[in-house]
Structure formats: structure tokens, C-alpha cells
Amino acid sequence: MFCPNPKMPLWSAHPRVFIDVAHAEGKCPYCGTVYRLKAGEKLHAH
């Protein structure tokens, strides 16, 4: 995942960072948004 995501308003823009959610959840170091996988969702290797 990455932050800011396309649904965020323009005023909250900051440099794009990639968030590692492989271990339950991850937090954006700029805005503090917490990202987590949906219930039952699994990561797929590319």
C-alpha cells in the first residue's frame, strides 16, 4: 500500500511512502494514517 492514497484530499498531500502491512498493520510516518488488510485478505507475492 502507499500513502497518500488517491482518495485523500489534495491538501493532505505529502511525499509518497509505501506502507508494509505484511504484519497486520502499518502506519504512515507523515500523517499517521493506519493501514491494515481487510478481514480475511491475504497478501499475494508477485
C-alpha atoms as a PDB file:
ATOM      1  CA  MET A   1       0.000   0.000   0.000  1.00  0.00           C
ATOM      2  CA  PHE A   2       1.049   3.585  -0.352  1.00  0.00           C
ATOM      3  CA  CYS A   3       0.153   6.884   1.250  1.00  0.00           C
ATOM      4  CA  PRO A   4      -1.284   9.330   0.398  1.00  0.00           C
ATOM      5  CA  ASN A   5      -3.863   7.254  -1.416  1.00  0.00           C
ATOM      6  CA  PRO A   6      -5.899   8.598  -4.363  1.00  0.00           C
ATOM      7  CA  LYS A   7      -8.998   9.150  -2.165  1.00  0.00           C
ATOM      8  CA  MET A   8      -7.231  11.634   0.137  1.00  0.00           C
ATOM      9  CA  PRO A   9      -7.860  15.359  -0.446  1.00  0.00           C
ATOM     10  CA  LEU A  10      -5.137  17.378  -2.150  1.00  0.00           C
ATOM     11  CA  TRP A  11      -4.452  19.500   0.972  1.00  0.00           C
ATOM     12  CA  SER A  12      -3.243  16.397   2.837  1.00  0.00           C
ATOM     13  CA  ALA A  13      -0.639  15.533   0.205  1.00  0.00           C
ATOM     14  CA  HIS A  14       2.860  14.562   1.306  1.00  0.00           C
ATOM     15  CA  PRO A  15       5.666  12.581  -0.326  1.00  0.00           C
ATOM     16  CA  ARG A  16       4.523   9.101  -1.366  1.00  0.00           C
ATOM     17  CA  VAL A  17       5.643   6.361   1.001  1.00  0.00           C
ATOM     18  CA  PHE A  18       4.991   2.647   0.757  1.00  0.00           C
ATOM     19  CA  ILE A  19       3.451   1.048   3.825  1.00  0.00           C
ATOM     20  CA  ASP A  20       4.319  -2.533   4.814  1.00  0.00           C
ATOM     21  CA  VAL A  21       1.131  -4.238   6.013  1.00  0.00           C
ATOM     22  CA  ALA A  22       2.510  -7.787   5.925  1.00  0.00           C
ATOM     23  CA  HIS A  23       2.461  -7.926   9.741  1.00  0.00           C
ATOM     24  CA  ALA A  24      -1.140  -6.926  10.476  1.00  0.00           C
ATOM     25  CA  GLU A  25      -0.898  -3.137  10.022  1.00  0.00           C
ATOM     26  CA  GLY A  26       1.373  -0.250   9.111  1.00  0.00           C
ATOM     27  CA  LYS A  27       1.364   3.471   9.922  1.00  0.00           C
ATOM     28  CA  CYS A  28       2.287   6.388   7.654  1.00  0.00           C
ATOM     29  CA  PRO A  29       5.236   8.302   9.134  1.00  0.00           C
ATOM     30  CA  TYR A  30       3.935  11.620   7.709  1.00  0.00           C
ATOM     31  CA  CYS A  31       0.231  11.751   8.519  1.00  0.00           C
ATOM     32  CA  GLY A  32      -0.239   8.854  10.941  1.00  0.00           C
ATOM     33  CA  THR A  33      -2.871   7.057   8.852  1.00  0.00           C
ATOM     34  CA  VAL A  34      -3.028   3.396   9.885  1.00  0.00           C
ATOM     35  CA  TYR A  35      -3.363   0.838   7.089  1.00  0.00           C
ATOM     36  CA  ARG A  36      -4.422  -2.764   7.654  1.00  0.00           C
ATOM     37  CA  LEU A  37      -5.646  -5.602   5.498  1.00  0.00           C
ATOM     38  CA  LYS A  38      -9.378  -6.283   5.332  1.00  0.00           C
ATOM     39  CA  ALA A  39     -10.604  -9.249   7.380  1.00  0.00           C
ATOM     40  CA  GLY A  40      -9.619 -12.444   5.610  1.00  0.00           C
ATOM     41  CA  GLU A  41      -7.491 -10.655   2.982  1.00  0.00           C
ATOM     42  CA  LYS A  42      -4.108 -12.237   2.173  1.00  0.00           C
ATOM     43  CA  LEU A  43      -1.022 -10.764   0.523  1.00  0.00           C
ATOM     44  CA  HIS A  44      -0.012 -12.313  -2.790  1.00  0.00           C
ATOM     45  CA  ALA A  45       3.568 -12.445  -3.980  1.00  0.00           C
ATOM     46  CA  HIS A  46       4.198 -11.035  -7.452  1.00  0.00           C
END
